[in-house]
Amino acid sequence: MTPRPPPHQPMPGPIEWLRENLFSTPLNAVLTLLALVLIWSIVAPFVQWALIDAAFEGKSREDCLRREGACWPFVIERLGQIIYGFYDGTERWRVDIAYLLLAAGLFWLTFPRLPGKWAIGGIMLTAYPIAALIMLVGGVLGLPQVPTERWGGLLLTLVVAVTGIVASLPLGILLALGRRSELPVVRWLSIAFIELWRGVPLVTVLFMAANMLPLFLPGGVTINKLLGALIAVALFSSAYMAEVVRGGLQAIDKGQFEAASAVGLGYWRAMGLVILPQALRLSIPNIVGNFIGLLKDTTLVSIIGLFDLLGIIQAGTASAEWATPNTAYTGYVFAGVVFWVMCFGMSRYAKHMEDILKAGEQR
């Protein structure tokens, strides 16, 4: 006989949920109350400072000095600079198009029922960076050239982060495969590259790329500071990505390799069709964690004189025009919220992808 399905369990109401999860025992009840007190002691003063006592209208420091809370006019007046940096005002439409294309591609990839995700993903990893570079730099197709020295704010943050993400994943995969290679030269070169870049902090790498590398170049040869930073970030992140991918490869059962070999697949076809898809699926949390760390590490480019999102805000708070006790705190809170939204979005999409892949595996 076919077993009967278990009876449907009704969803617990809010009272039952609270009793089962937060007040199930006297100890849990005490811990819940202590946590609520701690949350209230942090959230209530912050809301008072950020909203109730804050200044929302004005165009100078005097308008903020009249209030005891956050100085939001500073963010409002500097919003254009925060988003575009020092990009020429008449050419900011090019940045807007790059933003819109990026948002459209991400929306297409994240919305569950839209078709052609593999094609869109390939376009976002290959064609989009090239098109965005042409659009932002200019000098071709009748577009005026905008020097990278004028890039800044959110634009620079996204350029560094997207470049590092797009470049580090394929480089990391190749390095991970090279470290597991049976060819001694390939294996030891991969190990040397990974350990070299993982053995120094990113601040040192950026400083070397911007200040020390030109000393080793022939006379008259210069390197763009932003280009040097992009190369340094990509190579640095690829070393960490290689270890993440290598961990996924080590988690694959040996029988998968033997099965791929048994059906006549060569090394590269076995890796591309059997091994790597499983390894990357297992490594999704660590891969996204690496991407999130890379996004936050973009703030370090300020050490070489590039004004990213945080650097633009810091430069604005140092201006005498907005010198108030709360201006710097307001700018840092705004920057923190922007970074949190981007990082949280990346983590939730990774969780969504994990759920989809697990559901497909269970079928």
Protein backbone atom coordinates (compact mmCIF):
# COMPACT_ATOMS: atom_id res chain seq x y z
CA MET A 1 0.00 0.00 0.00
CA THR A 2 1.09 3.54 -0.71
CA PRO A 3 1.83 5.32 2.58
CA ARG A 4 -0.43 8.20 3.38
CA PRO A 5 1.14 11.65 3.49
CA PRO A 6 1.44 13.16 6.93
CA PRO A 7 -1.46 15.36 7.97
CA HIS A 8 -1.13 19.05 7.22
CA GLN A 9 0.30 20.97 10.15
CA PRO A 10 -1.29 24.40 10.64
CA MET A 11 1.04 27.36 10.85
CA PRO A 12 1.51 28.53 14.44
CA GLY A 13 0.10 31.91 15.33
CA PRO A 14 2.32 34.79 16.48
CA ILE A 15 1.67 34.07 20.16
CA GLU A 16 2.56 30.40 19.77
CA TRP A 17 5.65 31.28 17.71
CA LEU A 18 6.88 33.71 20.38
CA ARG A 19 6.26 31.18 23.13
CA GLU A 20 8.07 28.38 21.29
CA ASN A 21 11.06 30.37 20.04
CA LEU A 22 11.66 33.18 22.51
CA PHE A 23 10.01 32.22 25.82
CA SER A 24 10.15 28.44 25.77
CA THR A 25 12.14 28.26 29.06
CA PRO A 26 12.82 30.71 31.90
CA LEU A 27 16.41 31.12 30.68
CA ASN A 28 15.27 31.88 27.12
CA ALA A 29 12.77 34.39 28.45
CA VAL A 30 15.47 36.20 30.44
CA LEU A 31 17.85 36.22 27.46
CA THR A 32 15.07 37.53 25.19
CA LEU A 33 14.28 40.38 27.58
CA LEU A 34 17.97 41.27 27.93
CA ALA A 35 18.36 41.29 24.15
CA LEU A 36 15.31 43.57 23.78
CA VAL A 37 16.73 45.97 26.37
CA LEU A 38 20.10 46.02 24.57
CA ILE A 39 18.47 46.60 21.18
CA TRP A 40 16.31 49.40 22.56
CA SER A 41 19.29 51.08 24.23
CA ILE A 42 21.05 51.19 20.82
CA VAL A 43 18.19 51.78 18.40
CA ALA A 44 16.31 54.46 20.33
CA PRO A 45 19.24 56.93 20.63
CA PHE A 46 20.18 56.33 17.00
CA VAL A 47 16.65 57.05 15.77
CA GLN A 48 16.60 60.16 17.96
CA TRP A 49 19.87 61.36 16.44
CA ALA A 50 19.27 60.30 12.83
CA LEU A 51 15.62 61.33 12.44
CA ILE A 52 14.03 63.24 15.27
CA ASP A 53 16.80 65.72 16.13
CA ALA A 54 18.29 65.75 12.60
CA ALA A 55 18.44 68.63 10.13
CA PHE A 56 16.92 67.85 6.73
CA GLU A 57 16.79 71.27 5.08
CA GLY A 58 19.54 73.77 4.46
CA LYS A 59 22.57 74.51 2.34
CA SER A 60 25.34 75.25 4.86
CA ARG A 61 26.74 74.33 8.24
CA GLU A 62 24.65 76.97 9.99
CA ASP A 63 21.49 75.04 9.16
CA CYS A 64 22.94 71.93 10.81
CA LEU A 65 24.21 73.75 13.87
CA ARG A 66 20.63 74.66 14.77
CA ARG A 67 19.88 70.98 15.37
CA GLU A 68 21.53 68.44 17.65
CA GLY A 69 21.18 65.46 15.33
CA ALA A 70 22.41 64.34 11.94
CA CYS A 71 23.37 66.83 9.24
CA TRP A 72 21.52 65.42 6.23
CA PRO A 73 21.82 68.63 4.14
CA PHE A 74 25.50 67.76 3.79
CA VAL A 75 24.60 64.46 2.08
CA ILE A 76 21.86 66.08 -0.03
CA GLU A 77 24.08 68.91 -1.29
CA ARG A 78 27.01 66.57 -1.99
CA LEU A 79 24.94 63.76 -3.47
CA GLY A 80 26.05 64.45 -7.04
CA GLN A 81 29.69 64.30 -6.02
CA ILE A 82 29.07 61.18 -3.93
CA ILE A 83 27.54 59.37 -6.92
CA TYR A 84 29.73 60.67 -9.77
CA GLY A 85 32.89 61.95 -8.11
CA PHE A 86 34.44 64.76 -10.16
CA TYR A 87 33.05 63.43 -13.45
CA ASP A 88 32.22 66.25 -15.87
CA GLY A 89 28.69 67.43 -15.21
CA THR A 90 27.65 67.55 -18.85
CA GLU A 91 28.83 63.97 -19.38
CA ARG A 92 27.21 62.35 -16.35
CA TRP A 93 24.54 60.82 -18.58
CA ARG A 94 27.19 58.30 -19.60
CA VAL A 95 27.55 57.18 -16.00
CA ASP A 96 23.76 56.97 -15.71
CA ILE A 97 23.63 54.64 -18.74
CA ALA A 98 26.34 52.44 -17.22
CA TYR A 99 24.37 52.32 -13.95
CA LEU A 100 21.13 51.48 -15.78
CA LEU A 101 22.73 48.69 -17.82
CA LEU A 102 24.25 47.22 -14.68
CA ALA A 103 20.92 47.44 -12.81
CA ALA A 104 19.04 45.90 -15.76
CA GLY A 105 21.48 43.00 -16.01
CA LEU A 106 21.36 42.32 -12.28
CA PHE A 107 17.56 42.49 -12.29
CA TRP A 108 17.39 40.01 -15.16
CA LEU A 109 19.72 37.63 -13.35
CA THR A 110 17.95 37.87 -10.00
CA PHE A 111 14.31 37.77 -11.15
CA PRO A 112 13.44 34.05 -11.06
CA ARG A 113 11.18 33.61 -14.11
CA LEU A 114 13.04 35.51 -16.80
CA PRO A 115 14.61 33.34 -19.54
CA GLY A 116 18.13 33.40 -20.96
CA LYS A 117 19.99 33.86 -17.69
CA TRP A 118 23.12 32.11 -18.97
CA ALA A 119 23.25 34.43 -22.00
CA ILE A 120 22.69 37.53 -19.86
CA GLY A 121 25.28 36.34 -17.37
CA GLY A 122 27.82 35.86 -20.16
CA ILE A 123 27.07 39.35 -21.50
CA MET A 124 27.47 40.91 -18.04
CA LEU A 125 30.83 39.18 -17.57
CA THR A 126 32.26 39.94 -21.02
CA ALA A 127 30.49 42.56 -23.12
CA TYR A 128 29.24 44.84 -20.34
CA PRO A 129 32.66 45.69 -18.82
CA ILE A 130 34.02 46.58 -22.27
CA ALA A 131 30.97 48.68 -23.19
CA ALA A 132 31.00 50.43 -19.81
CA LEU A 133 34.72 51.18 -20.14
CA ILE A 134 34.21 52.74 -23.58
CA MET A 135 31.22 54.70 -22.31
CA LEU A 136 33.00 56.05 -19.23
CA VAL A 137 36.44 56.77 -20.68
CA GLY A 138 35.28 58.13 -24.04
CA GLY A 139 37.68 59.28 -26.72
CA VAL A 140 35.91 57.12 -29.33
CA LEU A 141 32.53 57.16 -31.09
CA GLY A 142 32.39 60.92 -30.72
CA LEU A 143 32.43 60.80 -26.90
CA PRO A 144 34.67 63.36 -25.17
CA GLN A 145 37.40 61.74 -23.11
CA VAL A 146 37.02 61.98 -19.34
CA PRO A 147 40.30 61.30 -17.47
CA THR A 148 40.15 58.64 -14.79
CA GLU A 149 41.52 61.20 -12.35
CA ARG A 150 38.03 62.74 -12.39
CA TRP A 151 36.31 59.48 -11.48
CA GLY A 152 35.24 59.08 -7.88
CA GLY A 153 32.46 58.36 -5.43
CA LEU A 154 30.12 55.46 -6.02
CA LEU A 155 31.29 55.27 -9.64
CA LEU A 156 34.86 54.49 -8.62
CA THR A 157 33.74 52.04 -5.95
CA LEU A 158 31.67 50.07 -8.45
CA VAL A 159 34.39 50.18 -11.12
CA VAL A 160 36.98 48.72 -8.74
CA ALA A 161 34.56 46.16 -7.28
CA VAL A 162 33.09 44.98 -10.60
CA THR A 163 36.54 44.74 -12.20
CA GLY A 164 37.86 42.73 -9.28
CA ILE A 165 34.85 40.42 -9.25
CA VAL A 166 34.80 39.82 -13.01
CA ALA A 167 38.55 39.21 -13.21
CA SER A 168 39.14 37.30 -9.97
CA LEU A 169 36.71 34.42 -10.55
CA PRO A 170 38.17 33.06 -13.83
CA LEU A 171 41.72 33.77 -12.66
CA GLY A 172 41.01 32.07 -9.35
CA ILE A 173 39.61 29.00 -11.12
CA LEU A 174 42.71 28.72 -13.31
CA LEU A 175 45.02 29.15 -10.31
CA ALA A 176 43.10 26.53 -8.33
CA LEU A 177 43.37 24.07 -11.22
CA GLY A 178 47.04 24.96 -11.60
CA ARG A 179 47.71 24.29 -7.93
CA ARG A 180 46.19 20.81 -8.31
CA SER A 181 47.96 20.14 -11.61
CA GLU A 182 50.21 17.12 -12.00
CA LEU A 183 52.74 19.24 -13.92
CA PRO A 184 55.35 20.37 -11.35
CA VAL A 185 56.15 23.67 -13.08
CA VAL A 186 52.49 24.71 -13.33
CA ARG A 187 51.78 23.59 -9.77
CA TRP A 188 54.70 25.40 -8.18
CA LEU A 189 54.16 28.59 -10.18
CA SER A 190 50.52 28.61 -9.09
CA ILE A 191 51.48 28.00 -5.46
CA ALA A 192 54.10 30.76 -5.58
CA PHE A 193 51.62 33.24 -7.08
CA ILE A 194 48.89 32.43 -4.55
CA GLU A 195 51.13 32.52 -1.49
CA LEU A 196 52.88 35.70 -2.63
CA TRP A 197 49.65 37.68 -3.00
CA ARG A 198 48.06 36.19 0.11
CA GLY A 199 51.13 37.02 2.15
CA VAL A 200 50.86 40.81 1.84
CA PRO A 201 47.99 43.15 2.78
CA LEU A 202 46.00 44.90 0.08
CA VAL A 203 47.17 48.31 1.31
CA THR A 204 50.75 47.33 0.54
CA VAL A 205 49.78 46.00 -2.89
CA LEU A 206 47.97 49.23 -3.78
CA PHE A 207 50.86 51.36 -2.53
CA MET A 208 53.33 49.36 -4.58
CA ALA A 209 51.16 49.58 -7.71
CA ALA A 210 50.74 53.34 -7.44
CA ASN A 211 54.09 54.52 -6.08
CA MET A 212 56.77 51.85 -6.39
CA LEU A 213 55.94 50.27 -9.76
CA PRO A 214 56.64 53.48 -11.76
CA LEU A 215 60.18 53.46 -10.34
CA PHE A 216 60.89 50.19 -12.18
CA LEU A 217 59.51 51.36 -15.53
CA PRO A 218 61.69 52.88 -18.25
CA GLY A 219 62.04 56.65 -18.33
CA GLY A 220 59.05 58.44 -19.78
CA VAL A 221 56.74 55.44 -19.29
CA THR A 222 53.88 56.08 -16.88
CA ILE A 223 51.02 53.93 -15.65
CA ASN A 224 47.52 55.15 -14.94
CA LYS A 225 46.91 55.14 -11.20
CA LEU A 226 43.42 53.69 -11.51
CA LEU A 227 44.59 51.02 -13.96
CA GLY A 228 47.34 50.01 -11.54
CA ALA A 229 44.81 49.78 -8.72
CA LEU A 230 42.45 47.66 -10.82
CA ILE A 231 45.23 45.22 -11.75
CA ALA A 232 46.41 45.02 -8.15
CA VAL A 233 42.89 44.38 -6.81
CA ALA A 234 42.17 41.74 -9.48
CA LEU A 235 45.41 39.82 -8.83
CA PHE A 236 45.07 40.11 -5.06
CA SER A 237 41.48 38.87 -5.07
CA SER A 238 42.22 36.06 -7.54
CA ALA A 239 44.70 34.53 -5.08
CA TYR A 240 42.02 34.31 -2.39
CA MET A 241 39.46 33.09 -4.92
CA ALA A 242 41.84 30.31 -5.93
CA GLU A 243 41.83 28.94 -2.39
CA VAL A 244 38.04 29.15 -2.24
CA VAL A 245 37.69 27.18 -5.47
CA ARG A 246 40.36 24.70 -4.37
CA GLY A 247 38.33 24.00 -1.25
CA GLY A 248 35.32 23.23 -3.42
CA LEU A 249 37.38 20.94 -5.64
CA GLN A 250 38.67 19.02 -2.63
CA ALA A 251 35.09 18.47 -1.45
CA ILE A 252 34.23 16.58 -4.66
CA ASP A 253 34.22 12.83 -4.20
CA LYS A 254 36.94 10.92 -6.06
CA GLY A 255 34.25 8.86 -7.73
CA GLN A 256 33.15 11.90 -9.75
CA PHE A 257 36.58 12.10 -11.35
CA GLU A 258 36.56 8.37 -12.04
CA ALA A 259 33.05 8.52 -13.51
CA ALA A 260 34.00 11.36 -15.85
CA SER A 261 37.06 9.42 -16.98
CA ALA A 262 35.01 6.25 -17.45
CA VAL A 263 32.67 7.90 -19.96
CA GLY A 264 35.63 9.10 -22.00
CA LEU A 265 35.78 12.75 -20.98
CA GLY A 266 39.14 14.43 -21.20
CA TYR A 267 40.56 16.63 -18.46
CA TRP A 268 39.09 19.94 -19.59
CA ARG A 269 35.69 18.52 -20.55
CA ALA A 270 35.47 16.65 -17.26
CA MET A 271 36.32 19.81 -15.36
CA GLY A 272 33.91 21.98 -17.31
CA LEU A 273 30.96 19.57 -17.39
CA VAL A 274 31.25 17.51 -14.21
CA ILE A 275 33.72 18.73 -11.59
CA LEU A 276 33.70 22.54 -11.65
CA PRO A 277 29.88 22.97 -11.62
CA GLN A 278 29.71 20.90 -8.43
CA ALA A 279 32.72 22.60 -6.87
CA LEU A 280 31.42 26.09 -7.59
CA ARG A 281 27.99 25.19 -6.22
CA LEU A 282 29.57 24.02 -2.97
CA SER A 283 31.72 27.16 -2.86
CA ILE A 284 28.94 29.71 -3.40
CA PRO A 285 28.91 30.99 0.22
CA ASN A 286 32.69 31.44 0.26
CA ILE A 287 32.77 32.95 -3.23
CA VAL A 288 30.14 35.53 -2.32
CA GLY A 289 31.91 36.19 0.97
CA ASN A 290 35.05 36.90 -1.02
CA PHE A 291 33.12 39.25 -3.31
CA ILE A 292 31.63 41.09 -0.32
CA GLY A 293 35.07 41.47 1.24
CA LEU A 294 36.38 42.81 -2.06
CA LEU A 295 33.55 45.35 -2.26
CA LYS A 296 34.35 46.64 1.21
CA ASP A 297 38.08 46.67 0.52
CA THR A 298 37.55 49.18 -2.30
CA THR A 299 37.69 51.88 0.38
CA LEU A 300 41.44 51.22 0.63
CA VAL A 301 42.07 52.89 -2.73
CA SER A 302 42.00 56.21 -0.85
CA ILE A 303 45.53 55.34 0.33
CA ILE A 304 46.79 56.07 -3.20
CA GLY A 305 44.78 59.25 -3.68
CA LEU A 306 41.67 57.86 -5.37
CA PHE A 307 38.40 59.25 -4.03
CA ASP A 308 35.94 56.39 -3.77
CA LEU A 309 32.56 56.64 -2.03
CA LEU A 310 34.07 56.85 1.45
CA GLY A 311 36.94 59.06 0.28
CA ILE A 312 34.55 61.61 -1.25
CA ILE A 313 32.58 61.75 1.99
CA GLN A 314 35.74 62.14 4.08
CA ALA A 315 36.95 64.94 1.82
CA GLY A 316 33.59 66.69 2.14
CA THR A 317 33.55 66.49 5.93
CA ALA A 318 36.99 68.11 6.03
CA SER A 319 35.62 71.19 4.28
CA ALA A 320 35.09 74.26 6.45
CA GLU A 321 31.78 74.82 4.67
CA TRP A 322 30.29 71.81 6.49
CA ALA A 323 32.34 71.74 9.69
CA THR A 324 29.88 70.63 12.40
CA PRO A 325 30.10 68.05 15.19
CA ASN A 326 27.69 65.73 13.35
CA THR A 327 28.74 66.10 9.70
CA ALA A 328 31.34 63.33 9.71
CA TYR A 329 29.05 60.93 11.59
CA THR A 330 26.26 61.61 9.11
CA GLY A 331 28.52 60.91 6.15
CA TYR A 332 29.80 57.68 7.66
CA VAL A 333 26.27 56.50 8.43
CA PHE A 334 25.23 57.21 4.83
CA ALA A 335 28.26 55.35 3.46
CA GLY A 336 27.59 52.45 5.82
CA VAL A 337 23.98 52.18 4.66
CA VAL A 338 25.04 52.17 1.00
CA PHE A 339 27.62 49.45 1.58
CA TRP A 340 25.18 47.45 3.69
CA VAL A 341 22.53 47.52 0.96
CA MET A 342 25.00 46.29 -1.66
CA CYS A 343 26.51 43.59 0.55
CA PHE A 344 23.13 42.42 1.84
CA GLY A 345 21.80 42.21 -1.70
CA MET A 346 24.76 40.06 -2.74
CA SER A 347 24.32 37.73 0.23
CA ARG A 348 20.57 37.31 -0.33
CA TYR A 349 21.06 36.54 -4.01
CA ALA A 350 23.67 33.94 -3.08
CA LYS A 351 21.19 32.37 -0.67
CA HIS A 352 18.57 32.40 -3.42
CA MET A 353 20.96 30.63 -5.80
CA GLU A 354 21.79 28.02 -3.16
CA ASP A 355 18.11 27.28 -2.63
CA ILE A 356 17.51 26.91 -6.38
CA LEU A 357 20.46 24.56 -6.82
CA LYS A 358 19.49 22.50 -3.78
CA ALA A 359 15.92 22.20 -5.06
CA GLY A 360 17.21 21.03 -8.43
CA GLU A 361 19.46 18.49 -6.74
CA GLN A 362 16.57 17.04 -4.72
CA ARG A 363 14.35 16.39 -7.77
